[in-house]
C-alpha cells in the first residue's frame, strides 16, 4: 500500500492514470500530454508499474500501458475504512491537478 501512496503523490503520475482510464496508450501517446522528457515519463511509469497501478505489453517496438482497474477499485474500497461513505458529488469536484475543494 505504501507504493500506491508514493505513486499517487505526484501530479504527473495521477495524470497518467487519468489518461489511461478510458484507453490503453503507448509511451509516445502519453508523452504528447506532458511537457517532460521521455526519460522522466519512463521514470513515472516505472513507479506506477512497481505499485502495480499500470501494466504494459510490448507490441513491436512500442510499450502499451493500461490501467490496473482491479487494484484501483480494491484500493478505493480499502480507503473507505478511513473516510466512511463517500458522497459522489465530492468525488466529482476533486481534480487530478490538486484543485482544492
PDB file of N, CA and C in Angstrom:
ATOM      1  N   UNK A   1       0.814  -1.190   0.000  1.00  0.00           N
ATOM      2  CA  UNK A   1       0.000   0.000   0.000  1.00  0.00           C
ATOM      3  C   UNK A   1       0.866   1.266   0.000  1.00  0.00           C
ATOM      4  N   UNK A   2       2.038   1.195   0.624  1.00  0.00           N
ATOM      5  CA  UNK A   2       2.940   2.345   0.634  1.00  0.00           C
ATOM      6  C   UNK A   2       3.363   2.735  -0.780  1.00  0.00           C
ATOM      7  N   UNK A   3       3.590   1.732  -1.639  1.00  0.00           N
ATOM      8  CA  UNK A   3       3.985   2.019  -3.022  1.00  0.00           C
ATOM      9  C   UNK A   3       2.864   2.744  -3.767  1.00  0.00           C
ATOM     10  N   UNK A   4       1.631   2.410  -3.471  1.00  0.00           N
ATOM     11  CA  UNK A   4       0.498   3.081  -4.114  1.00  0.00           C
ATOM     12  C   UNK A   4       0.445   4.537  -3.679  1.00  0.00           C
ATOM     13  N   UNK A   5       0.592   4.785  -2.371  1.00  0.00           N
ATOM     14  CA  UNK A   5       0.586   6.163  -1.888  1.00  0.00           C
ATOM     15  C   UNK A   5       1.720   6.966  -2.507  1.00  0.00           C
ATOM     16  N   UNK A   6       2.900   6.375  -2.609  1.00  0.00           N
ATOM     17  CA  UNK A   6       4.039   7.071  -3.228  1.00  0.00           C
ATOM     18  C   UNK A   6       3.720   7.396  -4.687  1.00  0.00           C
ATOM     19  N   UNK A   7       3.154   6.431  -5.383  1.00  0.00           N
ATOM     20  CA  UNK A   7       2.837   6.636  -6.801  1.00  0.00           C
ATOM     21  C   UNK A   7       1.794   7.737  -6.987  1.00  0.00           C
ATOM     22  N   UNK A   8       0.818   7.791  -6.111  1.00  0.00           N
ATOM     23  CA  UNK A   8      -0.253   8.777  -6.231  1.00  0.00           C
ATOM     24  C   UNK A   8       0.148  10.164  -5.749  1.00  0.00           C
ATOM     25  N   UNK A   9       1.301  10.281  -5.115  1.00  0.00           N
ATOM     26  CA  UNK A   9       1.733  11.554  -4.550  1.00  0.00           C
ATOM     27  C   UNK A   9       2.144  12.571  -5.612  1.00  0.00           C
ATOM     28  N   UNK A  10       2.410  12.129  -6.813  1.00  0.00           N
ATOM     29  CA  UNK A  10       2.896  13.025  -7.863  1.00  0.00           C
ATOM     30  C   UNK A  10       1.784  13.340  -8.865  1.00  0.00           C
ATOM     31  N   UNK A  11       1.636  14.630  -9.215  1.00  0.00           N
ATOM     32  CA  UNK A  11       0.548  15.037 -10.120  1.00  0.00           C
ATOM     33  C   UNK A  11       0.724  14.461 -11.524  1.00  0.00           C
ATOM     34  N   UNK A  12       1.962  14.286 -11.983  1.00  0.00           N
ATOM     35  CA  UNK A  12       2.162  13.700 -13.313  1.00  0.00           C
ATOM     36  C   UNK A  12       1.703  12.242 -13.344  1.00  0.00           C
ATOM     37  N   UNK A  13       1.957  11.517 -12.272  1.00  0.00           N
ATOM     38  CA  UNK A  13       1.521  10.126 -12.229  1.00  0.00           C
ATOM     39  C   UNK A  13      -0.005  10.028 -12.132  1.00  0.00           C
ATOM     40  N   UNK A  14      -0.616  10.954 -11.397  1.00  0.00           N
ATOM     41  CA  UNK A  14      -2.085  10.968 -11.355  1.00  0.00           C
ATOM     42  C   UNK A  14      -2.654  11.289 -12.736  1.00  0.00           C
ATOM     43  N   UNK A  15      -1.972  12.159 -13.460  1.00  0.00           N
ATOM     44  CA  UNK A  15      -2.428  12.492 -14.815  1.00  0.00           C
ATOM     45  C   UNK A  15      -2.294  11.282 -15.739  1.00  0.00           C
ATOM     46  N   UNK A  16      -1.223  10.534 -15.606  1.00  0.00           N
ATOM     47  CA  UNK A  16      -1.046   9.312 -16.406  1.00  0.00           C
ATOM     48  C   UNK A  16      -2.199   8.354 -16.149  1.00  0.00           C
ATOM     49  N   UNK A  17      -2.535   8.153 -14.881  1.00  0.00           N
ATOM     50  CA  UNK A  17      -3.645   7.259 -14.547  1.00  0.00           C
ATOM     51  C   UNK A  17      -4.952   7.750 -15.155  1.00  0.00           C
ATOM     52  N   UNK A  18      -5.161   9.048 -15.127  1.00  0.00           N
ATOM     53  CA  UNK A  18      -6.372   9.612 -15.717  1.00  0.00           C
ATOM     54  C   UNK A  18      -6.412   9.381 -17.222  1.00  0.00           C
ATOM     55  N   UNK A  19      -5.278   9.565 -17.887  1.00  0.00           N
ATOM     56  CA  UNK A  19      -5.216   9.351 -19.334  1.00  0.00           C
ATOM     57  C   UNK A  19      -5.471   7.894 -19.699  1.00  0.00           C
ATOM     58  N   UNK A  20      -5.053   6.994 -18.821  1.00  0.00           N
ATOM     59  CA  UNK A  20      -5.231   5.560 -19.091  1.00  0.00           C
ATOM     60  C   UNK A  20      -6.613   5.051 -18.673  1.00  0.00           C
ATOM     61  N   UNK A  21      -7.406   5.908 -18.080  1.00  0.00           N
ATOM     62  CA  UNK A  21      -8.718   5.494 -17.581  1.00  0.00           C
ATOM     63  C   UNK A  21      -9.607   4.935 -18.690  1.00  0.00           C
ATOM     64  N   UNK A  22      -9.593   5.569 -19.847  1.00  0.00           N
ATOM     65  CA  UNK A  22     -10.508   5.181 -20.917  1.00  0.00           C
ATOM     66  C   UNK A  22      -9.881   4.364 -22.038  1.00  0.00           C
ATOM     67  N   UNK A  23      -8.542   4.421 -22.155  1.00  0.00           N
ATOM     68  CA  UNK A  23      -7.912   3.639 -23.226  1.00  0.00           C
ATOM     69  C   UNK A  23      -6.446   3.380 -22.925  1.00  0.00           C
ATOM     70  N   UNK A  24      -5.938   2.334 -23.525  1.00  0.00           N
ATOM     71  CA  UNK A  24      -4.524   1.988 -23.406  1.00  0.00           C
ATOM     72  C   UNK A  24      -3.713   2.909 -24.310  1.00  0.00           C
ATOM     73  N   UNK A  25      -2.544   3.310 -23.852  1.00  0.00           N
ATOM     74  CA  UNK A  25      -1.725   4.258 -24.614  1.00  0.00           C
ATOM     75  C   UNK A  25      -0.266   3.832 -24.631  1.00  0.00           C
ATOM     76  N   UNK A  26       0.398   4.174 -25.724  1.00  0.00           N
ATOM     77  CA  UNK A  26       1.840   3.936 -25.818  1.00  0.00           C
ATOM     78  C   UNK A  26       2.574   5.065 -25.094  1.00  0.00           C
ATOM     79  N   UNK A  27       3.857   4.866 -24.890  1.00  0.00           N
ATOM     80  CA  UNK A  27       4.678   5.896 -24.254  1.00  0.00           C
ATOM     81  C   UNK A  27       4.622   7.183 -25.076  1.00  0.00           C
ATOM     82  N   UNK A  28       4.733   7.067 -26.392  1.00  0.00           N
ATOM     83  CA  UNK A  28       4.699   8.258 -27.243  1.00  0.00           C
ATOM     84  C   UNK A  28       3.358   8.977 -27.168  1.00  0.00           C
ATOM     85  N   UNK A  29       2.264   8.227 -27.094  1.00  0.00           N
ATOM     86  CA  UNK A  29       0.940   8.849 -26.960  1.00  0.00           C
ATOM     87  C   UNK A  29       0.813   9.560 -25.617  1.00  0.00           C
ATOM     88  N   UNK A  30       1.337   8.948 -24.572  1.00  0.00           N
ATOM     89  CA  UNK A  30       1.312   9.589 -23.260  1.00  0.00           C
ATOM     90  C   UNK A  30       2.169  10.855 -23.265  1.00  0.00           C
ATOM     91  N   UNK A  31       3.324  10.777 -23.890  1.00  0.00           N
ATOM     92  CA  UNK A  31       4.279  11.885 -23.893  1.00  0.00           C
ATOM     93  C   UNK A  31       3.692  13.162 -24.494  1.00  0.00           C
ATOM     94  N   UNK A  32       2.774  13.038 -25.450  1.00  0.00           N
ATOM     95  CA  UNK A  32       2.186  14.227 -26.083  1.00  0.00           C
ATOM     96  C   UNK A  32       1.337  15.042 -25.106  1.00  0.00           C
ATOM     97  N   UNK A  33       1.009  14.468 -23.963  1.00  0.00           N
ATOM     98  CA  UNK A  33       0.177  15.155 -22.969  1.00  0.00           C
ATOM     99  C   UNK A  33       0.987  15.825 -21.864  1.00  0.00           C
ATOM    100  N   UNK A  34       2.315  15.814 -21.997  1.00  0.00           N
ATOM    101  CA  UNK A  34       3.188  16.343 -20.953  1.00  0.00           C
ATOM    102  C   UNK A  34       4.240  17.262 -21.544  1.00  0.00           C
ATOM    103  N   UNK A  35       4.797  18.093 -20.688  1.00  0.00           N
ATOM    104  CA  UNK A  35       5.940  18.927 -21.064  1.00  0.00           C
ATOM    105  C   UNK A  35       7.169  18.435 -20.309  1.00  0.00           C
ATOM    106  N   UNK A  36       7.382  17.132 -20.370  1.00  0.00           N
ATOM    107  CA  UNK A  36       8.533  16.487 -19.737  1.00  0.00           C
ATOM    108  C   UNK A  36       9.196  15.599 -20.779  1.00  0.00           C
ATOM    109  N   UNK A  37      10.403  15.203 -20.516  1.00  0.00           N
ATOM    110  CA  UNK A  37      11.128  14.343 -21.442  1.00  0.00           C
ATOM    111  C   UNK A  37      10.706  12.882 -21.301  1.00  0.00           C
ATOM    112  N   UNK A  38      11.106  12.088 -22.280  1.00  0.00           N
ATOM    113  CA  UNK A  38      10.753  10.669 -22.279  1.00  0.00           C
ATOM    114  C   UNK A  38      11.372   9.939 -21.086  1.00  0.00           C
ATOM    115  N   UNK A  39      12.583  10.321 -20.692  1.00  0.00           N
ATOM    116  CA  UNK A  39      13.226   9.660 -19.552  1.00  0.00           C
ATOM    117  C   UNK A  39      12.443   9.906 -18.263  1.00  0.00           C
ATOM    118  N   UNK A  40      11.951  11.122 -18.090  1.00  0.00           N
ATOM    119  CA  UNK A  40      11.152  11.452 -16.902  1.00  0.00           C
ATOM    120  C   UNK A  40       9.838  10.696 -16.918  1.00  0.00           C
ATOM    121  N   UNK A  41       9.195  10.648 -18.084  1.00  0.00           N
ATOM    122  CA  UNK A  41       7.945   9.899 -18.204  1.00  0.00           C
ATOM    123  C   UNK A  41       8.185   8.418 -17.912  1.00  0.00           C
ATOM    124  N   UNK A  42       9.267   7.880 -18.434  1.00  0.00           N
ATOM    125  CA  UNK A  42       9.589   6.473 -18.184  1.00  0.00           C
ATOM    126  C   UNK A  42       9.795   6.209 -16.697  1.00  0.00           C
ATOM    127  N   UNK A  43      10.404   7.161 -15.996  1.00  0.00           N
ATOM    128  CA  UNK A  43      10.587   7.021 -14.552  1.00  0.00           C
ATOM    129  C   UNK A  43       9.224   6.990 -13.837  1.00  0.00           C
ATOM    130  N   UNK A  44       8.325   7.884 -14.228  1.00  0.00           N
ATOM    131  CA  UNK A  44       6.983   7.894 -13.650  1.00  0.00           C
ATOM    132  C   UNK A  44       6.259   6.573 -13.928  1.00  0.00           C
ATOM    133  N   UNK A  45       6.364   6.078 -15.147  1.00  0.00           N
ATOM    134  CA  UNK A  45       5.717   4.809 -15.495  1.00  0.00           C
ATOM    135  C   UNK A  45       6.321   3.647 -14.703  1.00  0.00           C
ATOM    136  N   UNK A  46       7.623   3.695 -14.462  1.00  0.00           N
ATOM    137  CA  UNK A  46       8.276   2.655 -13.673  1.00  0.00           C
ATOM    138  C   UNK A  46       7.731   2.631 -12.248  1.00  0.00           C
ATOM    139  N   UNK A  47       7.544   3.786 -11.657  1.00  0.00           N
ATOM    140  CA  UNK A  47       6.997   3.870 -10.298  1.00  0.00           C
ATOM    141  C   UNK A  47       5.564   3.344 -10.274  1.00  0.00           C
ATOM    142  N   UNK A  48       4.774   3.703 -11.298  1.00  0.00           N
ATOM    143  CA  UNK A  48       3.397   3.199 -11.378  1.00  0.00           C
ATOM    144  C   UNK A  48       3.368   1.684 -11.564  1.00  0.00           C
ATOM    145  N   UNK A  49       4.325   1.164 -12.341  1.00  0.00           N
ATOM    146  CA  UNK A  49       4.410  -0.290 -12.537  1.00  0.00           C
ATOM    147  C   UNK A  49       4.794  -1.005 -11.252  1.00  0.00           C
ATOM    148  N   UNK A  50       5.759  -0.457 -10.524  1.00  0.00           N
ATOM    149  CA  UNK A  50       6.182  -1.068  -9.260  1.00  0.00           C
ATOM    150  C   UNK A  50       5.039  -1.096  -8.244  1.00  0.00           C
ATOM    151  N   UNK A  51       4.159  -0.102  -8.328  1.00  0.00           N
ATOM    152  CA  UNK A  51       2.989  -0.060  -7.443  1.00  0.00           C
ATOM    153  C   UNK A  51       1.861  -0.924  -7.990  1.00  0.00           C
ATOM    154  N   UNK A  52       2.065  -1.506  -9.165  1.00  0.00           N
ATOM    155  CA  UNK A  52       1.076  -2.361  -9.839  1.00  0.00           C
ATOM    156  C   UNK A  52      -0.169  -1.592 -10.285  1.00  0.00           C
ATOM    157  N   UNK A  53      -0.048  -0.264 -10.417  1.00  0.00           N
ATOM    158  CA  UNK A  53      -1.178   0.547 -10.858  1.00  0.00           C
ATOM    159  C   UNK A  53      -1.352   0.516 -12.364  1.00  0.00           C
ATOM    160  N   UNK A  54      -0.268   0.234 -13.085  1.00  0.00           N
ATOM    161  CA  UNK A  54      -0.346   0.080 -14.535  1.00  0.00           C
ATOM    162  C   UNK A  54       0.379  -1.205 -14.924  1.00  0.00           C
ATOM    163  N   UNK A  55      -0.018  -1.712 -16.055  1.00  0.00           N
ATOM    164  CA  UNK A  55       0.650  -2.874 -16.657  1.00  0.00           C
ATOM    165  C   UNK A  55       0.995  -2.476 -18.081  1.00  0.00           C
ATOM    166  N   UNK A  56       1.961  -3.175 -18.647  1.00  0.00           N
ATOM    167  CA  UNK A  56       2.299  -2.865 -20.029  1.00  0.00           C
ATOM    168  C   UNK A  56       2.527  -4.148 -20.812  1.00  0.00           C
ATOM    169  N   UNK A  57       2.360  -4.009 -22.106  1.00  0.00           N
ATOM    170  CA  UNK A  57       2.690  -5.102 -23.015  1.00  0.00           C
ATOM    171  C   UNK A  57       3.502  -4.503 -24.154  1.00  0.00           C
ATOM    172  N   UNK A  58       4.343  -5.329 -24.728  1.00  0.00           N
ATOM    173  CA  UNK A  58       5.194  -4.872 -25.825  1.00  0.00           C
ATOM    174  C   UNK A  58       4.579  -5.332 -27.131  1.00  0.00           C
ATOM    175  N   UNK A  59       4.342  -4.360 -28.012  1.00  0.00           N
ATOM    176  CA  UNK A  59       3.851  -4.645 -29.364  1.00  0.00           C
ATOM    177  C   UNK A  59       4.849  -4.042 -30.339  1.00  0.00           C
ATOM    178  N   UNK A  60       5.632  -4.910 -30.945  1.00  0.00           N
ATOM    179  CA  UNK A  60       6.689  -4.415 -31.827  1.00  0.00           C
ATOM    180  C   UNK A  60       7.710  -3.648 -31.014  1.00  0.00           C
ATOM    181  N   UNK A  61       7.907  -2.374 -31.366  1.00  0.00           N
ATOM    182  CA  UNK A  61       8.853  -1.533 -30.646  1.00  0.00           C
ATOM    183  C   UNK A  61       8.172  -0.672 -29.584  1.00  0.00           C
ATOM    184  N   UNK A  62       6.867  -0.788 -29.469  1.00  0.00           N
ATOM    185  CA  UNK A  62       6.126   0.061 -28.535  1.00  0.00           C
ATOM    186  C   UNK A  62       5.751  -0.669 -27.258  1.00  0.00           C
ATOM    187  N   UNK A  63       5.718   0.095 -26.183  1.00  0.00           N
ATOM    188  CA  UNK A  63       5.175  -0.392 -24.920  1.00  0.00           C
ATOM    189  C   UNK A  63       3.805   0.256 -24.757  1.00  0.00           C
ATOM    190  N   UNK A  64       2.792  -0.579 -24.619  1.00  0.00           N
ATOM    191  CA  UNK A  64       1.424  -0.097 -24.467  1.00  0.00           C
ATOM    192  C   UNK A  64       1.046  -0.262 -22.998  1.00  0.00           C
ATOM    193  N   UNK A  65       0.627   0.840 -22.375  1.00  0.00           N
ATOM    194  CA  UNK A  65       0.286   0.826 -20.957  1.00  0.00           C
ATOM    195  C   UNK A  65      -1.227   0.814 -20.774  1.00  0.00           C
ATOM    196  N   UNK A  66      -1.639   0.111 -19.720  1.00  0.00           N
ATOM    197  CA  UNK A  66      -3.062   0.077 -19.355  1.00  0.00           C
ATOM    198  C   UNK A  66      -3.183   0.193 -17.850  1.00  0.00           C
ATOM    199  N   UNK A  67      -4.312   0.708 -17.438  1.00  0.00           N
ATOM    200  CA  UNK A  67      -4.605   0.906 -16.028  1.00  0.00           C
ATOM    201  C   UNK A  67      -4.996  -0.416 -15.384  1.00  0.00           C
ATOM    202  N   UNK A  68      -4.508  -0.673 -14.189  1.00  0.00           N
ATOM    203  CA  UNK A  68      -4.909  -1.852 -13.433  1.00  0.00           C
ATOM    204  C   UNK A  68      -6.121  -1.450 -12.592  1.00  0.00           C
ATOM    205  N   UNK A  69      -7.294  -1.475 -13.223  1.00  0.00           N
ATOM    206  CA  UNK A  69      -8.517  -1.008 -12.570  1.00  0.00           C
ATOM    207  C   UNK A  69      -8.891  -1.860 -11.367  1.00  0.00           C
ATOM    208  N   UNK A  70      -8.615  -3.143 -11.416  1.00  0.00           N
ATOM    209  CA  UNK A  70      -8.944  -4.007 -10.281  1.00  0.00           C
ATOM    210  C   UNK A  70      -8.223  -3.550  -9.016  1.00  0.00           C
ATOM    211  N   UNK A  71      -6.948  -3.227  -9.145  1.00  0.00           N
ATOM    212  CA  UNK A  71      -6.185  -2.766  -7.992  1.00  0.00           C
ATOM    213  C   UNK A  71      -6.713  -1.421  -7.494  1.00  0.00           C
ATOM    214  N   UNK A  72      -7.039  -0.523  -8.421  1.00  0.00           N
ATOM    215  CA  UNK A  72      -7.551   0.785  -8.012  1.00  0.00           C
ATOM    216  C   UNK A  72      -8.891   0.664  -7.294  1.00  0.00           C
ATOM    217  N   UNK A  73      -9.757  -0.212  -7.779  1.00  0.00           N
ATOM    218  CA  UNK A  73     -11.038  -0.424  -7.101  1.00  0.00           C
ATOM    219  C   UNK A  73     -10.810  -0.986  -5.705  1.00  0.00           C
ATOM    220  N   UNK A  74      -9.911  -1.947  -5.571  1.00  0.00           N
ATOM    221  CA  UNK A  74      -9.614  -2.534  -4.262  1.00  0.00           C
ATOM    222  C   UNK A  74      -9.009  -1.484  -3.330  1.00  0.00           C
ATOM    223  N   UNK A  75      -8.134  -0.639  -3.865  1.00  0.00           N
ATOM    224  CA  UNK A  75      -7.523   0.421  -3.071  1.00  0.00           C
ATOM    225  C   UNK A  75      -8.593   1.404  -2.580  1.00  0.00           C
ATOM    226  N   UNK A  76      -9.499   1.797  -3.471  1.00  0.00           N
ATOM    227  CA  UNK A  76     -10.574   2.724  -3.095  1.00  0.00           C
ATOM    228  C   UNK A  76     -11.456   2.120  -2.011  1.00  0.00           C
ATOM    229  N   UNK A  77     -11.773   0.857  -2.142  1.00  0.00           N
ATOM    230  CA  UNK A  77     -12.579   0.185  -1.118  1.00  0.00           C
ATOM    231  C   UNK A  77     -11.839   0.160   0.215  1.00  0.00           C
ATOM    232  N   UNK A  78     -10.536  -0.074   0.164  1.00  0.00           N
ATOM    233  CA  UNK A  78      -9.730  -0.095   1.380  1.00  0.00           C
ATOM    234  C   UNK A  78      -9.689   1.284   2.035  1.00  0.00           C
ATOM    235  N   UNK A  79      -9.713   2.349   1.246  1.00  0.00           N
ATOM    236  CA  UNK A  79      -9.663   3.711   1.769  1.00  0.00           C
ATOM    237  C   UNK A  79     -10.948   4.074   2.523  1.00  0.00           C
ATOM    238  N   UNK A  80     -12.035   3.405   2.209  1.00  0.00           N
ATOM    239  CA  UNK A  80     -13.302   3.704   2.878  1.00  0.00           C
ATOM    240  C   UNK A  80     -13.211   3.513   4.391  1.00  0.00           C
ATOM    241  N   UNK A  81     -12.308   2.697   4.845  1.00  0.00           N
ATOM    242  CA  UNK A  81     -12.184   2.497   6.291  1.00  0.00           C
ATOM    243  C   UNK A  81     -11.698   3.765   6.989  1.00  0.00           C
ATOM    244  N   UNK A  82     -11.041   4.651   6.242  1.00  0.00           N
ATOM    245  CA  UNK A  82     -10.593   5.916   6.817  1.00  0.00           C
ATOM    246  C   UNK A  82     -11.654   7.003   6.765  1.00  0.00           C
ATOM    247  N   UNK A  83     -12.449   6.992   5.710  1.00  0.00           N
ATOM    248  CA  UNK A  83     -13.380   8.102   5.491  1.00  0.00           C
ATOM    249  C   UNK A  83     -14.855   7.711   5.584  1.00  0.00           C
ATOM    250  N   UNK A  84     -15.139   6.451   5.638  1.00  0.00           N
ATOM    251  CA  UNK A  84     -16.536   6.036   5.650  1.00  0.00           C
ATOM    252  C   UNK A  84     -17.147   6.179   4.267  1.00  0.00           C
ATOM    253  N   UNK A  85     -18.428   6.387   4.233  1.00  0.00           N
ATOM    254  CA  UNK A  85     -19.140   6.518   2.957  1.00  0.00           C
ATOM    255  C   UNK A  85     -18.764   7.841   2.287  1.00  0.00           C
ATOM    256  N   UNK A  86     -18.485   7.783   0.995  1.00  0.00           N
ATOM    257  CA  UNK A  86     -18.073   8.962   0.240  1.00  0.00           C
ATOM    258  C   UNK A  86     -19.248   9.474  -0.577  1.00  0.00           C
ATOM    259  N   UNK A  87     -19.502  10.768  -0.467  1.00  0.00           N
ATOM    260  CA  UNK A  87     -20.542  11.415  -1.268  1.00  0.00           C
ATOM    261  C   UNK A  87     -19.996  11.588  -2.687  1.00  0.00           C
ATOM    262  N   UNK A  88     -20.694  11.049  -3.681  1.00  0.00           N
ATOM    263  CA  UNK A  88     -20.213  11.102  -5.069  1.00  0.00           C
ATOM    264  C   UNK A  88     -20.072  12.514  -5.599  1.00  0.00           C
ATOM    265  N   UNK A  89     -20.830  13.470  -5.079  1.00  0.00           N
ATOM    266  CA  UNK A  89     -20.674  14.844  -5.557  1.00  0.00           C
ATOM    267  C   UNK A  89     -19.306  15.390  -5.170  1.00  0.00           C
ATOM    268  N   UNK A  90     -18.786  14.979  -4.020  1.00  0.00           N
ATOM    269  CA  UNK A  90     -17.444  15.399  -3.606  1.00  0.00           C
ATOM    270  C   UNK A  90     -16.394  14.809  -4.529  1.00  0.00           C
ATOM    271  N   UNK A  91     -16.563  13.558  -4.895  1.00  0.00           N
ATOM    272  CA  UNK A  91     -15.612  12.899  -5.792  1.00  0.00           C
ATOM    273  C   UNK A  91     -15.554  13.622  -7.134  1.00  0.00           C
ATOM    274  N   UNK A  92     -16.698  14.080  -7.635  1.00  0.00           N
ATOM    275  CA  UNK A  92     -16.741  14.785  -8.914  1.00  0.00           C
ATOM    276  C   UNK A  92     -16.005  16.122  -8.870  1.00  0.00           C
ATOM    277  N   UNK A  93     -15.912  16.731  -7.697  1.00  0.00           N
ATOM    278  CA  UNK A  93     -15.301  18.044  -7.558  1.00  0.00           C
ATOM    279  C   UNK A  93     -13.777  17.967  -7.492  1.00  0.00           C
ATOM    280  N   UNK A  94     -13.246  16.871  -6.990  1.00  0.00           N
ATOM    281  CA  UNK A  94     -11.798  16.746  -6.804  1.00  0.00           C
ATOM    282  C   UNK A  94     -11.115  16.593  -8.152  1.00  0.00           C
ATOM    283  N   UNK A  95     -10.144  17.436  -8.424  1.00  0.00           N
ATOM    284  CA  UNK A  95      -9.460  17.423  -9.715  1.00  0.00           C
ATOM    285  C   UNK A  95      -8.131  16.697  -9.613  1.00  0.00           C
ATOM    286  N   UNK A  96      -7.658  16.216 -10.714  1.00  0.00           N
ATOM    287  CA  UNK A  96      -6.397  15.483 -10.772  1.00  0.00           C
ATOM    288  C   UNK A  96      -5.215  16.380 -10.434  1.00  0.00           C
ATOM    289  N   UNK A  97      -5.257  17.625 -10.781  1.00  0.00           N
ATOM    290  CA  UNK A  97      -4.108  18.521 -10.572  1.00  0.00           C
ATOM    291  C   UNK A  97      -4.111  19.186  -9.211  1.00  0.00           C
ATOM    292  N   UNK A  98      -4.790  18.620  -8.259  1.00  0.00           N
ATOM    293  CA  UNK A  98      -4.707  19.137  -6.900  1.00  0.00           C
ATOM    294  C   UNK A  98      -5.605  20.325  -6.624  1.00  0.00           C
ATOM    295  N   UNK A  99      -6.685  20.464  -7.362  1.00  0.00           N
ATOM    296  CA  UNK A  99      -7.621  21.556  -7.107  1.00  0.00           C
ATOM    297  C   UNK A  99      -8.176  21.420  -5.696  1.00  0.00           C
ATOM    298  N   UNK A 100      -8.256  22.537  -4.987  1.00  0.00           N
ATOM    299  CA  UNK A 100      -8.780  22.492  -3.621  1.00  0.00           C
ATOM    300  C   UNK A 100     -10.294  22.510  -3.643  1.00  0.00           C
ATOM    301  N   UNK A 101     -10.871  21.751  -2.731  1.00  0.00           N
ATOM    302  CA  UNK A 101     -12.330  21.652  -2.623  1.00  0.00           C
ATOM    303  C   UNK A 101     -12.837  22.768  -1.746  1.00  0.00           C
TER     304      UNK A 101
END
